[in-house]
Structure formats: C-alpha cells, structure tokens
C-alpha cells in the first residue's frame, strides 16, 4: 500500500536539536529508501517539512517504521499518514 507521510514539527524543537540528529536522520532515511520502503522523498516548497511516499503493508506498519527515524524518536517531528489507493475515475468514464 502506498502511504503519503506529511512531516509536522512538534513544539520545542530548535535548530540545534535538529542539527544534532540530522546525520542520523539522513542515514536512516537512506536505509529505508534502500529497502524500498521510502519510494519518494521531498521537501515542501512552502515550508521546511518533508513529504514521503512509502510502500508499506498498512498505515500502522508505516507508523512503526517512521518511529525509527531519529527526529521522531527524539520528539522533534511527527507524521500525518494518508493511505492512498488507485484513482478509479477513469473506469467511470470508459465502462
């Protein structure tokens, strides 16, 4: 299942706290990318927050996996998880 994960910063995060975990965060994200879990990774153009496209069994699985990111572990960010499904609109038009 494809899951859209929208990062949200939690209160109390400082630049110093984020920088302290930046390398470990990037390394873990790279590991998840290499495993085929993170399929796409972006930053929003309007604010400094990540948008991930994950391939996971379900939303709960995605939540457990994202909990292994250092910024999540240290309470600096959380993710809004949105399950996605294939767009059915074309079938309505051509059946």
Protein backbone atom coordinates (compact mmCIF):
# COMPACT_ATOMS: atom_id res chain seq x y z
CA UNK A 1 0.00 0.00 0.00
CA UNK A 2 1.20 3.49 -0.79
CA UNK A 3 1.19 5.87 2.16
CA UNK A 4 1.69 9.63 1.94
CA UNK A 5 3.55 10.86 5.04
CA UNK A 6 3.48 14.57 5.81
CA UNK A 7 6.02 15.73 8.39
CA UNK A 8 4.94 18.13 11.12
CA UNK A 9 7.39 19.74 13.54
CA UNK A 10 6.49 19.43 17.21
CA UNK A 11 6.72 22.33 19.68
CA UNK A 12 10.04 22.82 21.41
CA UNK A 13 12.27 21.87 18.51
CA UNK A 14 15.25 24.15 17.99
CA UNK A 15 17.70 24.40 15.13
CA UNK A 16 20.38 22.99 17.43
CA UNK A 17 18.24 19.94 18.33
CA UNK A 18 17.51 19.25 14.66
CA UNK A 19 21.17 19.63 13.69
CA UNK A 20 22.20 17.25 16.48
CA UNK A 21 20.26 14.42 14.79
CA UNK A 22 20.50 15.45 11.11
CA UNK A 23 23.18 12.94 10.08
CA UNK A 24 21.49 10.01 11.82
CA UNK A 25 18.14 11.04 10.31
CA UNK A 26 19.58 11.16 6.79
CA UNK A 27 21.28 7.79 7.27
CA UNK A 28 18.08 6.12 8.50
CA UNK A 29 16.06 7.65 5.65
CA UNK A 30 18.67 6.33 3.20
CA UNK A 31 18.40 2.84 4.75
CA UNK A 32 14.61 2.91 4.36
CA UNK A 33 15.00 4.10 0.77
CA UNK A 34 17.41 1.27 0.02
CA UNK A 35 14.88 -1.20 1.47
CA UNK A 36 12.20 0.12 -0.90
CA UNK A 37 10.07 1.49 1.94
CA UNK A 38 10.64 5.18 1.21
CA UNK A 39 9.86 5.38 -2.50
CA UNK A 40 9.95 9.16 -2.84
CA UNK A 41 11.22 11.93 -0.56
CA UNK A 42 10.61 15.66 -0.94
CA UNK A 43 10.68 18.91 0.97
CA UNK A 44 7.65 21.15 0.75
CA UNK A 45 8.26 24.33 -1.24
CA UNK A 46 6.28 26.44 1.23
CA UNK A 47 7.93 25.29 4.49
CA UNK A 48 10.81 23.18 5.75
CA UNK A 49 8.95 19.89 6.18
CA UNK A 50 9.36 16.56 4.44
CA UNK A 51 6.83 14.70 2.32
CA UNK A 52 7.43 10.98 1.88
CA UNK A 53 5.78 8.36 -0.27
CA UNK A 54 6.08 5.00 1.47
CA UNK A 55 5.35 1.46 0.37
CA UNK A 56 4.11 -0.41 3.45
CA UNK A 57 1.67 -3.15 4.39
CA UNK A 58 -0.68 -0.66 6.07
CA UNK A 59 -0.79 2.63 7.98
CA UNK A 60 0.19 1.03 11.29
CA UNK A 61 3.25 -0.54 9.67
CA UNK A 62 4.22 2.87 8.25
CA UNK A 63 3.78 4.42 11.70
CA UNK A 64 6.10 1.82 13.29
CA UNK A 65 8.74 2.30 10.58
CA UNK A 66 8.68 6.10 10.80
CA UNK A 67 9.05 5.81 14.58
CA UNK A 68 12.61 4.55 13.90
CA UNK A 69 13.66 7.91 12.46
CA UNK A 70 15.83 9.78 14.99
CA UNK A 71 13.83 13.01 14.74
CA UNK A 72 10.67 11.07 15.60
CA UNK A 73 12.44 9.14 18.37
CA UNK A 74 13.60 12.41 19.95
CA UNK A 75 10.16 14.03 19.77
CA UNK A 76 11.05 16.69 17.22
CA UNK A 77 8.66 15.66 14.43
CA UNK A 78 5.62 13.53 13.79
CA UNK A 79 3.94 12.40 10.58
CA UNK A 80 0.40 12.65 9.29
CA UNK A 81 -0.19 9.39 7.41
CA UNK A 82 -2.58 9.21 4.47
CA UNK A 83 -3.30 5.83 2.83
CA UNK A 84 -3.59 6.05 -0.96
CA UNK A 85 -5.43 3.92 -3.49
CA UNK A 86 -5.52 3.90 -7.26
CA UNK A 87 -7.68 6.58 -8.86
CA UNK A 88 -10.95 4.95 -10.04
CA UNK A 89 -12.21 7.92 -12.08
CA UNK A 90 -11.15 6.69 -15.49
CA UNK A 91 -13.15 3.47 -15.12
CA UNK A 92 -16.31 5.51 -14.55
CA UNK A 93 -15.74 7.31 -17.84
CA UNK A 94 -14.93 4.35 -20.07
CA UNK A 95 -17.11 1.49 -18.84
